[in-house]
């Protein structure tokens, strides 16, 4: 019985906490280490997924911008065709390169304006970054950014 007491005293003397507290602290360190390992694994998986997804997202973004630019160009062409059909003279005032669509009009005595035939976002503003030119016969020319 004396040996058991001495052993207990030696354990307590070597540890600042009780025997039960030292055991619980050790378990907490194991749980924290396990949590950190799991966290690194999850971050690694997310990193791999991001490395795969980001190039694809960039391609999709570029593709959508290209399609929006083409759609804008087709809308302008169709609006010019419709405007020239309704024009008695059937000719435009040549203009360009411009991003201001409100300047495009026919040569009629009471001119027709392209903005009346065009449905664009933000007050008929060109959003693609291109500038356009318009010839007298209605040809639409797209200039690079």
N, C-alpha and C. Protein backbone atom coordinates (compact mmCIF):
# COMPACT_ATOMS: atom_id res chain seq x y z
N UNK A 1 0.81 -1.18 0.00
CA UNK A 1 0.00 0.00 0.00
C UNK A 1 0.85 1.25 0.00
N UNK A 2 1.94 1.23 0.61
CA UNK A 2 2.84 2.37 0.64
C UNK A 2 3.44 2.59 -0.73
N UNK A 3 3.67 1.54 -1.46
CA UNK A 3 4.25 1.69 -2.79
C UNK A 3 3.25 2.38 -3.72
N UNK A 4 1.98 2.03 -3.64
CA UNK A 4 0.96 2.68 -4.45
C UNK A 4 0.87 4.17 -4.16
N UNK A 5 1.00 4.54 -2.93
CA UNK A 5 0.95 5.95 -2.56
C UNK A 5 2.17 6.68 -3.08
N UNK A 6 3.29 6.06 -3.02
CA UNK A 6 4.51 6.70 -3.52
C UNK A 6 4.41 6.88 -5.04
N UNK A 7 3.92 5.88 -5.72
CA UNK A 7 3.75 6.00 -7.16
C UNK A 7 2.82 7.13 -7.51
N UNK A 8 1.75 7.24 -6.80
CA UNK A 8 0.79 8.30 -7.04
C UNK A 8 1.42 9.66 -6.77
N UNK A 9 2.20 9.76 -5.76
CA UNK A 9 2.87 11.01 -5.43
C UNK A 9 3.88 11.34 -6.52
N UNK A 10 4.60 10.35 -7.05
CA UNK A 10 5.57 10.61 -8.11
C UNK A 10 4.88 11.09 -9.39
N UNK A 11 3.74 10.51 -9.72
CA UNK A 11 3.01 10.96 -10.90
C UNK A 11 2.54 12.38 -10.71
N UNK A 12 2.02 12.66 -9.55
CA UNK A 12 1.54 14.02 -9.29
C UNK A 12 2.68 15.00 -9.24
N UNK A 13 3.81 14.59 -8.74
CA UNK A 13 4.95 15.51 -8.66
C UNK A 13 5.48 15.83 -10.05
N UNK A 14 5.43 14.88 -10.98
CA UNK A 14 5.92 15.12 -12.34
C UNK A 14 4.93 15.87 -13.21
N UNK A 15 3.66 15.86 -12.88
CA UNK A 15 2.62 16.50 -13.68
C UNK A 15 2.04 17.68 -12.92
N UNK A 16 1.84 18.82 -13.55
CA UNK A 16 1.23 19.94 -12.85
C UNK A 16 -0.25 19.72 -12.60
N UNK A 17 -0.88 18.80 -13.35
CA UNK A 17 -2.30 18.54 -13.19
C UNK A 17 -2.47 17.18 -12.55
N UNK A 18 -3.68 16.86 -12.22
CA UNK A 18 -3.95 15.54 -11.67
C UNK A 18 -3.79 14.50 -12.77
N UNK A 19 -3.74 13.25 -12.42
CA UNK A 19 -3.60 12.17 -13.39
C UNK A 19 -4.74 12.19 -14.40
N UNK A 20 -5.96 12.42 -13.94
CA UNK A 20 -7.12 12.47 -14.82
C UNK A 20 -7.02 13.66 -15.78
N UNK A 21 -6.57 14.80 -15.29
CA UNK A 21 -6.43 15.98 -16.14
C UNK A 21 -5.38 15.80 -17.21
N UNK A 22 -4.27 15.14 -16.87
CA UNK A 22 -3.21 14.90 -17.85
C UNK A 22 -3.73 13.99 -18.95
N UNK A 23 -4.51 12.99 -18.60
CA UNK A 23 -5.06 12.07 -19.58
C UNK A 23 -6.03 12.82 -20.51
N UNK A 24 -6.89 13.66 -19.97
CA UNK A 24 -7.86 14.43 -20.76
C UNK A 24 -7.13 15.40 -21.68
N UNK A 25 -6.08 16.05 -21.20
CA UNK A 25 -5.31 16.98 -22.03
C UNK A 25 -4.67 16.27 -23.21
N UNK A 26 -4.16 15.08 -22.97
CA UNK A 26 -3.55 14.30 -24.03
C UNK A 26 -4.59 13.95 -25.09
N UNK A 27 -5.80 13.60 -24.70
CA UNK A 27 -6.88 13.29 -25.64
C UNK A 27 -7.28 14.53 -26.44
N UNK A 28 -7.27 15.68 -25.78
CA UNK A 28 -7.61 16.92 -26.49
C UNK A 28 -6.57 17.22 -27.57
N UNK A 29 -5.30 16.95 -27.26
CA UNK A 29 -4.25 17.16 -28.26
C UNK A 29 -4.43 16.20 -29.43
N UNK A 30 -4.83 14.97 -29.15
CA UNK A 30 -5.07 14.01 -30.23
C UNK A 30 -6.24 14.45 -31.10
N UNK A 31 -7.30 14.95 -30.48
CA UNK A 31 -8.45 15.42 -31.26
C UNK A 31 -8.07 16.63 -32.10
N UNK A 32 -7.28 17.53 -31.53
CA UNK A 32 -6.85 18.72 -32.27
C UNK A 32 -5.97 18.32 -33.45
N UNK A 33 -5.06 17.37 -33.23
CA UNK A 33 -4.19 16.90 -34.32
C UNK A 33 -5.02 16.22 -35.40
N UNK A 34 -6.00 15.44 -35.01
CA UNK A 34 -6.88 14.79 -35.99
C UNK A 34 -7.68 15.81 -36.77
N UNK A 35 -8.15 16.83 -36.10
CA UNK A 35 -8.90 17.89 -36.77
C UNK A 35 -8.03 18.61 -37.79
N UNK A 36 -6.78 18.88 -37.43
CA UNK A 36 -5.87 19.57 -38.36
C UNK A 36 -5.58 18.70 -39.57
N UNK A 37 -5.41 17.41 -39.37
CA UNK A 37 -5.17 16.50 -40.50
C UNK A 37 -6.38 16.49 -41.43
N UNK A 38 -7.57 16.38 -40.86
CA UNK A 38 -8.80 16.39 -41.68
C UNK A 38 -8.94 17.72 -42.41
N UNK A 39 -8.61 18.82 -41.73
CA UNK A 39 -8.69 20.14 -42.35
C UNK A 39 -7.75 20.24 -43.55
N UNK A 40 -6.53 19.73 -43.42
CA UNK A 40 -5.59 19.76 -44.54
C UNK A 40 -6.06 18.89 -45.69
N UNK A 41 -6.66 17.76 -45.40
CA UNK A 41 -7.18 16.90 -46.46
C UNK A 41 -8.31 17.60 -47.20
N UNK A 42 -9.22 18.23 -46.48
CA UNK A 42 -10.33 18.95 -47.11
C UNK A 42 -9.80 20.10 -47.95
N UNK A 43 -8.85 20.85 -47.41
CA UNK A 43 -8.28 21.96 -48.19
C UNK A 43 -7.55 21.47 -49.43
N UNK A 44 -6.90 20.32 -49.34
CA UNK A 44 -6.25 19.74 -50.51
C UNK A 44 -7.24 19.35 -51.58
N UNK A 45 -8.34 18.74 -51.17
CA UNK A 45 -9.40 18.37 -52.13
C UNK A 45 -9.99 19.61 -52.78
N UNK A 46 -10.26 20.63 -51.98
CA UNK A 46 -10.79 21.88 -52.54
C UNK A 46 -9.80 22.53 -53.50
N UNK A 47 -8.52 22.45 -53.19
CA UNK A 47 -7.50 22.99 -54.08
C UNK A 47 -7.47 22.27 -55.42
N UNK A 48 -7.58 20.95 -55.39
CA UNK A 48 -7.60 20.17 -56.64
C UNK A 48 -8.84 20.52 -57.45
N UNK A 49 -9.98 20.61 -56.79
CA UNK A 49 -11.22 20.96 -57.50
C UNK A 49 -11.12 22.36 -58.11
N UNK A 50 -10.55 23.29 -57.37
CA UNK A 50 -10.39 24.65 -57.90
C UNK A 50 -9.44 24.66 -59.09
N UNK A 51 -8.37 23.88 -59.04
CA UNK A 51 -7.44 23.82 -60.15
C UNK A 51 -8.09 23.27 -61.40
N UNK A 52 -9.05 22.40 -61.23
CA UNK A 52 -9.77 21.83 -62.38
C UNK A 52 -10.85 22.80 -62.87
N UNK A 53 -11.57 23.43 -61.94
CA UNK A 53 -12.74 24.24 -62.31
C UNK A 53 -12.38 25.61 -62.84
N UNK A 54 -11.36 26.24 -62.35
CA UNK A 54 -11.06 27.63 -62.74
C UNK A 54 -10.77 27.76 -64.24
N UNK A 55 -9.95 26.91 -64.86
CA UNK A 55 -9.76 27.05 -66.32
C UNK A 55 -11.06 26.86 -67.11
N UNK A 56 -11.90 25.94 -66.66
CA UNK A 56 -13.17 25.73 -67.35
C UNK A 56 -14.09 26.93 -67.19
N UNK A 57 -14.11 27.52 -66.02
CA UNK A 57 -14.93 28.70 -65.79
C UNK A 57 -14.44 29.86 -66.64
N UNK A 58 -13.14 29.99 -66.79
CA UNK A 58 -12.58 31.05 -67.62
C UNK A 58 -12.99 30.88 -69.08
N UNK A 59 -12.96 29.65 -69.56
CA UNK A 59 -13.38 29.37 -70.94
C UNK A 59 -14.86 29.69 -71.13
N UNK A 60 -15.67 29.32 -70.14
CA UNK A 60 -17.11 29.59 -70.24
C UNK A 60 -17.38 31.09 -70.22
N UNK A 61 -16.65 31.84 -69.41
CA UNK A 61 -16.81 33.29 -69.34
C UNK A 61 -16.43 33.93 -70.66
N UNK A 62 -15.32 33.50 -71.25
CA UNK A 62 -14.90 34.03 -72.55
C UNK A 62 -15.93 33.70 -73.62
N UNK A 63 -16.45 32.50 -73.59
CA UNK A 63 -17.46 32.08 -74.56
C UNK A 63 -18.73 32.92 -74.43
N UNK A 64 -19.16 33.19 -73.22
CA UNK A 64 -20.38 33.97 -73.03
C UNK A 64 -20.18 35.42 -73.48
N UNK A 65 -18.99 35.98 -73.25
CA UNK A 65 -18.71 37.35 -73.72
C UNK A 65 -18.71 37.40 -75.24
N UNK A 66 -18.12 36.39 -75.86
CA UNK A 66 -18.08 36.33 -77.32
C UNK A 66 -19.50 36.22 -77.88
N UNK A 67 -20.32 35.40 -77.27
CA UNK A 67 -21.70 35.26 -77.74
C UNK A 67 -22.49 36.55 -77.54
N UNK A 68 -22.25 37.26 -76.45
CA UNK A 68 -22.95 38.53 -76.22
C UNK A 68 -22.54 39.56 -77.26
N UNK A 69 -21.28 39.59 -77.63
CA UNK A 69 -20.81 40.53 -78.66
C UNK A 69 -21.43 40.22 -80.01
N UNK A 70 -21.48 38.95 -80.34
CA UNK A 70 -22.09 38.55 -81.61
C UNK A 70 -23.58 38.87 -81.63
N UNK A 71 -24.25 38.66 -80.50
CA UNK A 71 -25.68 38.96 -80.42
C UNK A 71 -25.93 40.45 -80.59
N UNK A 72 -25.08 41.27 -79.97
CA UNK A 72 -25.22 42.72 -80.12
C UNK A 72 -25.03 43.14 -81.57
N UNK A 73 -24.03 42.57 -82.24
CA UNK A 73 -23.78 42.89 -83.65
C UNK A 73 -24.97 42.50 -84.52
N UNK A 74 -25.54 41.32 -84.27
CA UNK A 74 -26.70 40.88 -85.05
C UNK A 74 -27.93 41.77 -84.78
N UNK A 75 -28.11 42.21 -83.54
CA UNK A 75 -29.21 43.11 -83.22
C UNK A 75 -29.07 44.42 -83.98
N UNK A 76 -27.86 44.95 -84.04
CA UNK A 76 -27.63 46.21 -84.76
C UNK A 76 -27.89 46.01 -86.25
N UNK A 77 -27.38 44.94 -86.82
CA UNK A 77 -27.61 44.68 -88.24
C UNK A 77 -29.10 44.55 -88.55
N UNK A 78 -29.82 43.80 -87.76
CA UNK A 78 -31.26 43.62 -87.99
C UNK A 78 -32.02 44.94 -87.82
N UNK A 79 -31.63 45.75 -86.87
CA UNK A 79 -32.29 47.04 -86.67
C UNK A 79 -32.04 47.96 -87.86
N UNK A 80 -30.84 47.94 -88.41
CA UNK A 80 -30.53 48.76 -89.59
C UNK A 80 -31.36 48.31 -90.78
N UNK A 81 -31.48 47.01 -90.98
CA UNK A 81 -32.28 46.48 -92.09
C UNK A 81 -33.73 46.92 -91.95
N UNK A 82 -34.28 46.79 -90.76
CA UNK A 82 -35.68 47.19 -90.52
C UNK A 82 -35.86 48.68 -90.73
N UNK A 83 -34.91 49.47 -90.27
CA UNK A 83 -35.00 50.92 -90.42
C UNK A 83 -34.96 51.32 -91.90
N UNK A 84 -34.09 50.69 -92.68
CA UNK A 84 -33.99 51.01 -94.11
C UNK A 84 -35.23 50.55 -94.88
N UNK A 85 -35.90 49.50 -94.43
CA UNK A 85 -37.15 49.07 -95.07
C UNK A 85 -38.23 50.13 -94.92
N UNK A 86 -38.26 50.77 -93.77
CA UNK A 86 -39.29 51.77 -93.51
C UNK A 86 -38.91 53.16 -94.03
N UNK A 87 -37.69 53.35 -94.41
CA UNK A 87 -37.22 54.66 -94.89
C UNK A 87 -37.64 54.88 -96.34
N UNK A 88 -38.21 56.06 -96.66
CA UNK A 88 -38.56 56.35 -98.05
C UNK A 88 -37.34 56.38 -98.97
N UNK A 89 -36.25 56.92 -98.52
CA UNK A 89 -35.04 57.00 -99.34
C UNK A 89 -34.25 55.69 -99.27
N UNK A 90 -34.20 55.07 -98.10
CA UNK A 90 -33.49 53.80 -97.94
C UNK A 90 -31.99 53.94 -97.84
N UNK A 91 -31.53 55.08 -97.31
CA UNK A 91 -30.08 55.29 -97.15
C UNK A 91 -29.79 55.89 -95.77
N UNK A 92 -28.62 55.58 -95.28
CA UNK A 92 -28.18 56.11 -94.00
C UNK A 92 -27.21 57.27 -94.20
N UNK A 93 -27.10 58.09 -93.18
CA UNK A 93 -26.01 59.05 -93.11
C UNK A 93 -24.79 58.25 -92.70
N UNK A 94 -23.73 58.23 -93.52
CA UNK A 94 -22.56 57.44 -93.14
C UNK A 94 -21.94 57.99 -91.85
N UNK A 95 -21.57 57.09 -90.98
CA UNK A 95 -20.98 57.48 -89.70
C UNK A 95 -20.10 56.35 -89.19
N UNK A 96 -19.08 56.72 -88.46
CA UNK A 96 -18.30 55.69 -87.78
C UNK A 96 -16.82 55.99 -87.81
N UNK A 97 -16.08 55.33 -87.04
CA UNK A 97 -16.50 54.42 -85.98
C UNK A 97 -17.07 55.17 -84.77
N UNK A 98 -18.14 54.65 -84.22
CA UNK A 98 -18.79 55.26 -83.08
C UNK A 98 -19.40 54.20 -82.18
N UNK A 99 -19.49 54.55 -80.92
CA UNK A 99 -20.20 53.71 -79.96
C UNK A 99 -21.53 54.34 -79.59
N UNK A 100 -21.79 55.54 -80.15
CA UNK A 100 -23.02 56.27 -79.86
C UNK A 100 -24.05 55.96 -80.95
N UNK A 101 -24.92 55.02 -80.66
CA UNK A 101 -25.93 54.57 -81.63
C UNK A 101 -26.96 55.65 -81.92
N UNK A 102 -27.12 56.61 -81.02
CA UNK A 102 -28.13 57.65 -81.22
C UNK A 102 -27.79 58.56 -82.41
N UNK A 103 -26.56 58.52 -82.89
CA UNK A 103 -26.17 59.35 -84.04
C UNK A 103 -26.54 58.71 -85.38
N UNK A 104 -26.89 57.46 -85.39
CA UNK A 104 -27.19 56.75 -86.64
C UNK A 104 -28.62 57.06 -87.06
N UNK A 105 -28.75 57.61 -88.30
CA UNK A 105 -30.08 57.98 -88.80
C UNK A 105 -30.10 57.87 -90.32
N UNK A 106 -31.31 57.93 -90.86
CA UNK A 106 -31.48 57.87 -92.32
C UNK A 106 -31.33 59.27 -92.91
N UNK A 107 -31.26 59.33 -94.25
CA UNK A 107 -31.13 60.60 -94.96
C UNK A 107 -32.48 61.24 -95.26
N UNK A 108 -33.54 60.70 -94.75
CA UNK A 108 -34.88 61.22 -95.04
C UNK A 108 -35.02 62.64 -94.49
N UNK A 109 -36.02 63.38 -95.03
CA UNK A 109 -36.28 64.74 -94.53
C UNK A 109 -36.69 64.68 -93.06
N UNK A 110 -37.45 63.69 -92.71
CA UNK A 110 -37.72 63.40 -91.30
C UNK A 110 -36.98 62.09 -91.02
N UNK A 111 -35.76 62.20 -90.49
CA UNK A 111 -34.93 61.00 -90.38
C UNK A 111 -35.47 59.99 -89.36
N UNK A 112 -35.18 58.75 -89.66
CA UNK A 112 -35.46 57.66 -88.72
C UNK A 112 -34.17 57.39 -87.96
N UNK A 113 -34.29 57.16 -86.65
CA UNK A 113 -33.11 56.92 -85.82
C UNK A 113 -33.02 55.45 -85.44
N UNK A 114 -31.79 54.98 -85.42
CA UNK A 114 -31.55 53.56 -85.11
C UNK A 114 -32.00 53.21 -83.70
N UNK A 115 -31.93 54.14 -82.79
CA UNK A 115 -32.33 53.85 -81.40
C UNK A 115 -33.80 53.47 -81.30
N UNK A 116 -34.61 53.91 -82.25
CA UNK A 116 -36.03 53.54 -82.24
C UNK A 116 -36.26 52.08 -82.66
N UNK A 117 -35.28 51.49 -83.31
CA UNK A 117 -35.40 50.13 -83.82
C UNK A 117 -34.55 49.13 -83.04
N UNK A 118 -33.80 49.64 -82.11
CA UNK A 118 -32.83 48.81 -81.42
C UNK A 118 -33.17 48.68 -79.95
N UNK A 119 -33.11 47.46 -79.45
CA UNK A 119 -33.36 47.22 -78.03
C UNK A 119 -32.04 46.76 -77.41
N UNK A 120 -31.33 47.71 -76.84
CA UNK A 120 -30.09 47.40 -76.13
C UNK A 120 -30.24 47.76 -74.67
N UNK A 121 -29.35 47.24 -73.87
CA UNK A 121 -29.40 47.54 -72.44
C UNK A 121 -28.84 48.93 -72.17
N UNK A 122 -29.21 49.48 -71.01
CA UNK A 122 -28.66 50.74 -70.50
C UNK A 122 -28.79 51.89 -71.50
N UNK A 123 -29.97 52.28 -71.80
CA UNK A 123 -30.23 53.46 -72.64
C UNK A 123 -29.55 53.38 -74.01
N UNK A 124 -29.73 52.25 -74.69
CA UNK A 124 -29.19 52.05 -76.03
C UNK A 124 -27.68 52.18 -76.09
N UNK A 125 -27.00 51.83 -75.03
CA UNK A 125 -25.54 51.92 -75.01
C UNK A 125 -24.93 50.62 -75.52
N UNK A 126 -23.81 50.77 -76.20
CA UNK A 126 -23.05 49.62 -76.66
C UNK A 126 -22.29 49.08 -75.45
N UNK A 127 -22.49 47.82 -75.13
CA UNK A 127 -21.85 47.26 -73.94
C UNK A 127 -20.70 46.31 -74.27
N UNK A 128 -20.50 45.99 -75.54
CA UNK A 128 -19.47 45.03 -75.91
C UNK A 128 -18.09 45.63 -75.95
N UNK A 129 -17.99 46.95 -76.01
CA UNK A 129 -16.69 47.59 -76.11
C UNK A 129 -16.28 47.86 -77.55
N UNK A 130 -17.03 47.37 -78.52
CA UNK A 130 -16.73 47.63 -79.92
C UNK A 130 -17.30 48.98 -80.35
N UNK A 131 -16.75 49.50 -81.44
CA UNK A 131 -17.33 50.66 -82.10
C UNK A 131 -17.81 50.18 -83.46
N UNK A 132 -18.82 50.86 -83.97
CA UNK A 132 -19.43 50.45 -85.22
C UNK A 132 -19.40 51.59 -86.23
N UNK A 133 -19.31 51.21 -87.49
CA UNK A 133 -19.41 52.15 -88.58
C UNK A 133 -20.60 51.77 -89.44
N UNK A 134 -21.22 52.77 -90.06
CA UNK A 134 -22.41 52.55 -90.88
C UNK A 134 -22.21 53.25 -92.21
N UNK A 135 -22.34 52.50 -93.30
CA UNK A 135 -22.22 53.09 -94.64
C UNK A 135 -23.60 53.52 -95.11
N UNK A 136 -23.64 54.27 -96.19
CA UNK A 136 -24.91 54.80 -96.71
C UNK A 136 -25.87 53.68 -97.10
N UNK A 137 -25.35 52.57 -97.60
CA UNK A 137 -26.24 51.48 -98.03
C UNK A 137 -26.68 50.58 -96.87
N UNK A 138 -26.22 50.85 -95.65
CA UNK A 138 -26.67 50.10 -94.49
C UNK A 138 -25.72 49.01 -94.02
N UNK A 139 -24.54 48.97 -94.60
CA UNK A 139 -23.56 48.00 -94.14
C UNK A 139 -23.05 48.40 -92.77
N UNK A 140 -23.01 47.44 -91.87
CA UNK A 140 -22.53 47.69 -90.52
C UNK A 140 -21.13 47.10 -90.40
N UNK A 141 -20.20 47.93 -89.94
CA UNK A 141 -18.81 47.51 -89.78
C UNK A 141 -18.47 47.54 -88.29
N UNK A 142 -17.94 46.44 -87.79
CA UNK A 142 -17.54 46.39 -86.39
C UNK A 142 -16.03 46.62 -86.31
N UNK A 143 -15.65 47.59 -85.48
CA UNK A 143 -14.24 47.91 -85.28
C UNK A 143 -13.77 47.26 -83.98
N UNK A 144 -12.52 46.85 -83.97
CA UNK A 144 -11.96 46.20 -82.78
C UNK A 144 -11.94 47.16 -81.61
N UNK A 145 -11.87 46.58 -80.44
CA UNK A 145 -11.89 47.36 -79.20
C UNK A 145 -10.73 48.32 -79.14
